[in-house]
């Protein structure tokens, strides 16, 4: 086989352009859309679980700081600003609620959760220290 013949066999015929066909592009977009439809709700649920966990950790930390204040002063702080936590926001962007004296204990510390309303269940449940 000569070099000229080998070169001819490797050259594509003129009628076949390189690239993707419309069908290949549509199938690819459909696969991406299906995967996105499955993954996005799961990701949003994960984000919400992370927010609730962060609120729980914040409340435990703030309760601990208030208890340390009590051990030093033999009284709970009147507000969170008194212990340097007055500007602390919950994961949903609202201030934590601090009540002293509390109705559930010496202090009540909570956030109204995702919906910002008292009570609620599941995703909208309050996160509290009691």
N, C-alpha and C. Protein backbone atom coordinates (compact mmCIF):
# COMPACT_ATOMS: atom_id res chain seq x y z
N UNK A 1 0.85 -1.16 0.00
CA UNK A 1 0.00 0.00 0.00
C UNK A 1 0.90 1.23 0.00
N UNK A 2 0.61 2.13 -0.87
CA UNK A 2 1.46 3.31 -0.99
C UNK A 2 1.04 4.37 0.03
N UNK A 3 1.91 5.31 0.24
CA UNK A 3 1.64 6.39 1.19
C UNK A 3 0.46 7.23 0.75
N UNK A 4 0.28 7.42 -0.53
CA UNK A 4 -0.82 8.21 -1.06
C UNK A 4 -2.14 7.52 -0.77
N UNK A 5 -2.19 6.20 -0.89
CA UNK A 5 -3.44 5.46 -0.64
C UNK A 5 -3.78 5.50 0.85
N UNK A 6 -2.78 5.39 1.72
CA UNK A 6 -3.02 5.44 3.16
C UNK A 6 -3.54 6.81 3.56
N UNK A 7 -3.03 7.84 2.91
CA UNK A 7 -3.49 9.20 3.21
C UNK A 7 -4.93 9.39 2.78
N UNK A 8 -5.31 8.83 1.64
CA UNK A 8 -6.69 8.95 1.15
C UNK A 8 -7.68 8.27 2.07
N UNK A 9 -7.32 7.11 2.62
CA UNK A 9 -8.24 6.35 3.48
C UNK A 9 -8.49 7.07 4.79
N UNK A 10 -7.55 7.86 5.27
CA UNK A 10 -7.73 8.55 6.55
C UNK A 10 -8.49 9.86 6.42
N UNK A 11 -8.68 10.34 5.23
CA UNK A 11 -9.40 11.59 5.03
C UNK A 11 -10.89 11.29 4.99
N UNK A 12 -11.67 12.07 5.73
CA UNK A 12 -13.13 11.88 5.75
C UNK A 12 -13.74 12.33 4.45
N UNK A 13 -14.78 11.67 4.05
CA UNK A 13 -15.48 12.14 2.86
C UNK A 13 -16.02 13.55 3.09
N UNK A 14 -16.17 14.32 2.05
CA UNK A 14 -16.57 15.72 2.17
C UNK A 14 -17.98 15.90 2.73
N UNK A 15 -18.86 14.96 2.60
CA UNK A 15 -20.24 15.11 3.05
C UNK A 15 -20.43 14.97 4.55
N UNK A 16 -19.44 14.53 5.28
CA UNK A 16 -19.57 14.29 6.72
C UNK A 16 -18.80 15.34 7.51
N UNK A 17 -19.48 16.26 8.11
CA UNK A 17 -18.84 17.30 8.92
C UNK A 17 -18.61 16.78 10.33
N UNK A 18 -17.61 17.29 11.01
CA UNK A 18 -17.35 16.90 12.39
C UNK A 18 -18.26 17.70 13.31
N UNK A 19 -18.61 17.09 14.47
CA UNK A 19 -19.44 17.78 15.44
C UNK A 19 -20.58 16.90 15.89
N UNK A 20 -21.51 17.49 16.66
CA UNK A 20 -22.65 16.77 17.20
C UNK A 20 -23.87 16.97 16.33
N UNK A 21 -24.70 15.94 16.26
CA UNK A 21 -25.95 16.08 15.53
C UNK A 21 -26.99 16.68 16.46
N UNK A 22 -28.08 17.12 15.90
CA UNK A 22 -29.16 17.69 16.69
C UNK A 22 -29.72 16.65 17.66
N UNK A 23 -29.84 15.42 17.22
CA UNK A 23 -30.36 14.34 18.09
C UNK A 23 -29.43 14.14 19.28
N UNK A 24 -28.14 14.12 19.06
CA UNK A 24 -27.19 13.96 20.17
C UNK A 24 -27.31 15.10 21.16
N UNK A 25 -27.47 16.30 20.67
CA UNK A 25 -27.61 17.45 21.56
C UNK A 25 -28.90 17.37 22.37
N UNK A 26 -30.01 16.99 21.75
CA UNK A 26 -31.29 16.88 22.44
C UNK A 26 -31.23 15.79 23.50
N UNK A 27 -30.64 14.66 23.19
CA UNK A 27 -30.52 13.56 24.16
C UNK A 27 -29.66 14.01 25.34
N UNK A 28 -28.57 14.69 25.07
CA UNK A 28 -27.70 15.18 26.14
C UNK A 28 -28.44 16.16 27.04
N UNK A 29 -29.17 17.08 26.46
CA UNK A 29 -29.94 18.04 27.26
C UNK A 29 -31.02 17.35 28.08
N UNK A 30 -31.66 16.33 27.52
CA UNK A 30 -32.68 15.59 28.24
C UNK A 30 -32.07 14.87 29.45
N UNK A 31 -30.91 14.28 29.28
CA UNK A 31 -30.25 13.59 30.40
C UNK A 31 -29.88 14.59 31.49
N UNK A 32 -29.34 15.72 31.11
CA UNK A 32 -28.98 16.76 32.08
C UNK A 32 -30.22 17.25 32.82
N UNK A 33 -31.32 17.44 32.11
CA UNK A 33 -32.56 17.91 32.74
C UNK A 33 -33.09 16.89 33.74
N UNK A 34 -33.07 15.62 33.40
CA UNK A 34 -33.56 14.57 34.31
C UNK A 34 -32.67 14.50 35.55
N UNK A 35 -31.36 14.54 35.37
CA UNK A 35 -30.46 14.49 36.52
C UNK A 35 -30.65 15.72 37.41
N UNK A 36 -30.86 16.87 36.82
CA UNK A 36 -31.10 18.10 37.60
C UNK A 36 -32.40 18.01 38.38
N UNK A 37 -33.43 17.46 37.75
CA UNK A 37 -34.73 17.33 38.42
C UNK A 37 -34.65 16.39 39.61
N UNK A 38 -33.77 15.43 39.55
CA UNK A 38 -33.59 14.50 40.67
C UNK A 38 -32.70 15.11 41.74
N UNK A 39 -31.63 15.75 41.35
CA UNK A 39 -30.63 16.23 42.30
C UNK A 39 -31.03 17.51 43.03
N UNK A 40 -31.72 18.41 42.39
CA UNK A 40 -32.02 19.71 43.00
C UNK A 40 -32.87 19.60 44.27
N UNK A 41 -33.97 18.85 44.29
CA UNK A 41 -34.73 18.73 45.54
C UNK A 41 -33.91 18.09 46.67
N UNK A 42 -33.10 17.10 46.34
CA UNK A 42 -32.27 16.46 47.36
C UNK A 42 -31.26 17.46 47.92
N UNK A 43 -30.69 18.29 47.06
CA UNK A 43 -29.75 19.29 47.51
C UNK A 43 -30.41 20.33 48.41
N UNK A 44 -31.61 20.73 48.06
CA UNK A 44 -32.34 21.72 48.89
C UNK A 44 -32.68 21.14 50.26
N UNK A 45 -33.06 19.85 50.31
CA UNK A 45 -33.31 19.21 51.61
C UNK A 45 -32.04 19.16 52.44
N UNK A 46 -30.94 18.86 51.79
CA UNK A 46 -29.66 18.83 52.48
C UNK A 46 -29.33 20.22 53.05
N UNK A 47 -29.53 21.27 52.26
CA UNK A 47 -29.26 22.63 52.74
C UNK A 47 -30.10 22.96 53.97
N UNK A 48 -31.36 22.55 53.96
CA UNK A 48 -32.24 22.84 55.09
C UNK A 48 -31.79 22.09 56.34
N UNK A 49 -31.38 20.83 56.18
CA UNK A 49 -30.87 20.06 57.32
C UNK A 49 -29.63 20.74 57.90
N UNK A 50 -28.77 21.27 57.04
CA UNK A 50 -27.58 21.96 57.50
C UNK A 50 -27.97 23.21 58.29
N UNK A 51 -28.97 23.95 57.82
CA UNK A 51 -29.42 25.16 58.54
C UNK A 51 -29.95 24.80 59.93
N UNK A 52 -30.76 23.75 60.01
CA UNK A 52 -31.32 23.33 61.31
C UNK A 52 -30.19 22.89 62.25
N UNK A 53 -29.25 22.12 61.73
CA UNK A 53 -28.12 21.70 62.56
C UNK A 53 -27.31 22.89 63.05
N UNK A 54 -27.10 23.87 62.18
CA UNK A 54 -26.36 25.07 62.58
C UNK A 54 -27.11 25.84 63.66
N UNK A 55 -28.43 25.95 63.53
CA UNK A 55 -29.23 26.63 64.55
C UNK A 55 -29.12 25.90 65.89
N UNK A 56 -29.16 24.57 65.87
CA UNK A 56 -29.02 23.80 67.11
C UNK A 56 -27.66 24.07 67.76
N UNK A 57 -26.61 24.05 66.95
CA UNK A 57 -25.26 24.30 67.48
C UNK A 57 -25.15 25.71 68.05
N UNK A 58 -25.72 26.68 67.34
CA UNK A 58 -25.69 28.06 67.83
C UNK A 58 -26.40 28.18 69.18
N UNK A 59 -27.56 27.54 69.29
CA UNK A 59 -28.34 27.63 70.53
C UNK A 59 -27.60 26.97 71.69
N UNK A 60 -26.97 25.84 71.44
CA UNK A 60 -26.18 25.18 72.49
C UNK A 60 -25.04 26.09 72.92
N UNK A 61 -24.35 26.69 71.95
CA UNK A 61 -23.24 27.58 72.27
C UNK A 61 -23.72 28.80 73.06
N UNK A 62 -24.83 29.41 72.63
CA UNK A 62 -25.34 30.59 73.33
C UNK A 62 -25.85 30.23 74.73
N UNK A 63 -26.46 29.06 74.88
CA UNK A 63 -26.90 28.61 76.20
C UNK A 63 -25.70 28.40 77.12
N UNK A 64 -24.63 27.85 76.57
CA UNK A 64 -23.40 27.64 77.36
C UNK A 64 -22.81 28.97 77.80
N UNK A 65 -22.79 29.94 76.91
CA UNK A 65 -22.28 31.27 77.26
C UNK A 65 -23.14 31.90 78.35
N UNK A 66 -24.47 31.75 78.24
CA UNK A 66 -25.36 32.30 79.27
C UNK A 66 -25.14 31.59 80.61
N UNK A 67 -24.90 30.29 80.58
CA UNK A 67 -24.63 29.55 81.82
C UNK A 67 -23.30 29.97 82.44
N UNK A 68 -22.30 30.20 81.62
CA UNK A 68 -21.02 30.69 82.13
C UNK A 68 -21.18 32.07 82.77
N UNK A 69 -22.02 32.91 82.16
CA UNK A 69 -22.31 34.22 82.72
C UNK A 69 -22.96 34.05 84.09
N UNK A 70 -23.88 33.09 84.20
CA UNK A 70 -24.55 32.83 85.48
C UNK A 70 -23.54 32.40 86.54
N UNK A 71 -22.59 31.54 86.17
CA UNK A 71 -21.59 31.09 87.13
C UNK A 71 -20.70 32.23 87.60
N UNK A 72 -20.45 33.20 86.73
CA UNK A 72 -19.63 34.35 87.11
C UNK A 72 -20.41 35.39 87.90
N UNK A 73 -21.64 35.68 87.49
CA UNK A 73 -22.41 36.79 88.06
C UNK A 73 -23.56 36.33 88.96
N UNK A 74 -23.82 35.04 89.00
CA UNK A 74 -24.97 34.48 89.76
C UNK A 74 -26.30 35.06 89.29
N UNK A 75 -26.33 35.42 88.02
CA UNK A 75 -27.56 35.87 87.37
C UNK A 75 -27.38 35.65 85.88
N UNK A 76 -28.48 35.35 85.21
CA UNK A 76 -28.41 35.19 83.75
C UNK A 76 -28.39 36.57 83.10
N UNK A 77 -27.80 36.68 81.92
CA UNK A 77 -27.78 37.99 81.24
C UNK A 77 -29.20 38.43 80.90
N UNK A 78 -29.42 39.74 80.88
CA UNK A 78 -30.73 40.27 80.53
C UNK A 78 -31.03 40.10 79.06
N UNK A 79 -29.98 40.08 78.23
CA UNK A 79 -30.14 39.90 76.79
C UNK A 79 -28.84 39.33 76.23
N UNK A 80 -28.86 38.94 74.98
CA UNK A 80 -27.68 38.33 74.37
C UNK A 80 -26.57 39.35 74.14
N UNK A 81 -26.92 40.61 73.99
CA UNK A 81 -25.90 41.64 73.79
C UNK A 81 -24.99 41.75 75.02
N UNK A 82 -25.52 41.43 76.17
CA UNK A 82 -24.75 41.53 77.41
C UNK A 82 -23.58 40.53 77.43
N UNK A 83 -23.68 39.48 76.63
CA UNK A 83 -22.59 38.49 76.54
C UNK A 83 -21.93 38.51 75.16
N UNK A 84 -22.16 39.58 74.41
CA UNK A 84 -21.51 39.74 73.12
C UNK A 84 -22.13 38.98 71.97
N UNK A 85 -23.37 38.53 72.13
CA UNK A 85 -24.04 37.77 71.08
C UNK A 85 -25.29 38.45 70.56
N UNK A 86 -25.41 39.74 70.79
CA UNK A 86 -26.62 40.46 70.43
C UNK A 86 -26.90 40.56 68.95
N UNK A 87 -25.87 40.50 68.14
CA UNK A 87 -26.09 40.65 66.70
C UNK A 87 -26.08 39.31 65.97
N UNK A 88 -26.15 38.24 66.70
CA UNK A 88 -26.12 36.89 66.11
C UNK A 88 -27.45 36.60 65.41
N UNK A 89 -27.37 36.16 64.15
CA UNK A 89 -28.58 35.82 63.37
C UNK A 89 -28.66 34.30 63.18
N UNK A 90 -29.89 33.81 63.10
CA UNK A 90 -30.07 32.39 62.82
C UNK A 90 -29.74 32.11 61.35
N UNK A 91 -29.68 30.86 60.95
CA UNK A 91 -29.33 30.54 59.55
C UNK A 91 -30.31 31.08 58.51
N UNK A 92 -31.49 31.52 58.94
CA UNK A 92 -32.48 32.07 58.01
C UNK A 92 -32.42 33.60 58.00
N UNK A 93 -31.47 34.18 58.72
CA UNK A 93 -31.25 35.62 58.68
C UNK A 93 -32.03 36.43 59.69
N UNK A 94 -32.61 35.77 60.70
CA UNK A 94 -33.37 36.49 61.73
C UNK A 94 -32.66 36.38 63.08
N UNK A 95 -32.86 37.35 63.97
CA UNK A 95 -32.20 37.25 65.29
C UNK A 95 -32.78 36.10 66.12
N UNK A 96 -31.93 35.50 66.92
CA UNK A 96 -32.40 34.48 67.87
C UNK A 96 -33.25 35.16 68.93
N UNK A 97 -34.20 34.42 69.50
CA UNK A 97 -35.06 34.96 70.56
C UNK A 97 -34.51 34.47 71.89
N UNK A 98 -34.27 35.42 72.79
CA UNK A 98 -33.75 35.12 74.13
C UNK A 98 -34.74 35.69 75.13
N UNK A 99 -35.23 34.83 76.03
CA UNK A 99 -36.20 35.26 77.05
C UNK A 99 -35.65 34.86 78.41
N UNK A 100 -35.55 35.86 79.29
CA UNK A 100 -35.07 35.62 80.65
C UNK A 100 -35.91 36.43 81.61
N UNK A 101 -36.63 35.85 82.55
CA UNK A 101 -36.70 34.42 82.82
C UNK A 101 -37.57 33.72 81.77
N UNK A 102 -37.22 32.49 81.49
CA UNK A 102 -37.93 31.74 80.48
C UNK A 102 -39.16 31.04 81.02
N UNK A 103 -40.01 30.57 80.14
CA UNK A 103 -41.19 29.81 80.55
C UNK A 103 -40.91 28.30 80.55
N UNK A 104 -39.81 27.88 79.93
CA UNK A 104 -39.46 26.47 79.87
C UNK A 104 -38.24 26.15 80.71
N UNK A 105 -37.61 27.15 81.28
CA UNK A 105 -36.41 27.00 82.10
C UNK A 105 -35.96 28.37 82.56
N UNK A 106 -34.75 28.44 83.10
CA UNK A 106 -34.23 29.73 83.54
C UNK A 106 -34.17 30.73 82.39
N UNK A 107 -33.77 30.23 81.21
CA UNK A 107 -33.76 31.05 80.00
C UNK A 107 -34.38 30.24 78.87
N UNK A 108 -35.04 30.93 77.96
CA UNK A 108 -35.52 30.32 76.72
C UNK A 108 -34.73 30.94 75.59
N UNK A 109 -34.21 30.09 74.75
CA UNK A 109 -33.43 30.54 73.61
C UNK A 109 -33.90 29.74 72.42
N UNK A 110 -34.36 30.43 71.38
CA UNK A 110 -34.91 29.71 70.23
C UNK A 110 -34.93 30.56 68.97
N UNK A 111 -35.20 29.87 67.87
CA UNK A 111 -35.47 30.51 66.60
C UNK A 111 -36.75 29.89 66.06
N UNK A 112 -37.51 30.67 65.34
CA UNK A 112 -38.79 30.18 64.81
C UNK A 112 -38.62 29.37 63.52
N UNK A 113 -37.42 29.06 63.15
CA UNK A 113 -37.18 28.17 62.02
C UNK A 113 -37.35 28.82 60.67
N UNK A 114 -37.49 27.98 59.68
CA UNK A 114 -37.52 28.41 58.28
C UNK A 114 -38.63 29.42 57.98
N UNK A 115 -39.84 29.17 58.51
CA UNK A 115 -40.98 30.04 58.18
C UNK A 115 -41.05 31.30 59.04
N UNK A 116 -40.26 31.37 60.11
CA UNK A 116 -40.25 32.56 60.97
C UNK A 116 -41.47 32.69 61.84
N UNK A 117 -42.32 31.67 61.88
CA UNK A 117 -43.54 31.70 62.69
C UNK A 117 -43.41 30.74 63.87
N UNK A 118 -43.99 31.08 65.02
CA UNK A 118 -43.93 30.16 66.16
C UNK A 118 -44.62 28.83 65.82
N UNK A 119 -44.09 27.77 66.41
CA UNK A 119 -44.66 26.44 66.16
C UNK A 119 -44.13 25.88 64.85
N UNK A 120 -44.96 25.14 64.20
CA UNK A 120 -44.56 24.54 62.93
C UNK A 120 -44.10 23.12 63.11
N UNK A 121 -43.99 22.42 62.02
CA UNK A 121 -43.54 21.03 62.07
C UNK A 121 -42.61 20.78 60.88
N UNK A 122 -41.88 19.73 60.97
CA UNK A 122 -40.92 19.29 59.94
C UNK A 122 -39.99 20.44 59.56
N UNK A 123 -40.00 20.88 58.32
CA UNK A 123 -39.06 21.92 57.87
C UNK A 123 -39.30 23.26 58.55
N UNK A 124 -40.49 23.51 59.02
CA UNK A 124 -40.83 24.80 59.63
C UNK A 124 -40.81 24.76 61.15
N UNK A 125 -40.30 23.69 61.73
CA UNK A 125 -40.30 23.55 63.20
C UNK A 125 -39.34 24.55 63.83
N UNK A 126 -39.70 24.99 65.04
CA UNK A 126 -38.83 25.86 65.81
C UNK A 126 -37.63 25.06 66.30
N UNK A 127 -36.52 25.74 66.52
CA UNK A 127 -35.33 25.13 67.10
C UNK A 127 -35.15 25.81 68.45
N UNK A 128 -35.17 25.01 69.54
CA UNK A 128 -35.20 25.57 70.88
C UNK A 128 -34.14 24.96 71.77
N UNK A 129 -33.98 25.53 72.98
CA UNK A 129 -33.07 24.97 73.98
C UNK A 129 -33.81 24.14 75.03
N UNK A 130 -35.08 23.88 74.83
CA UNK A 130 -35.80 23.05 75.80
C UNK A 130 -36.27 21.76 75.20
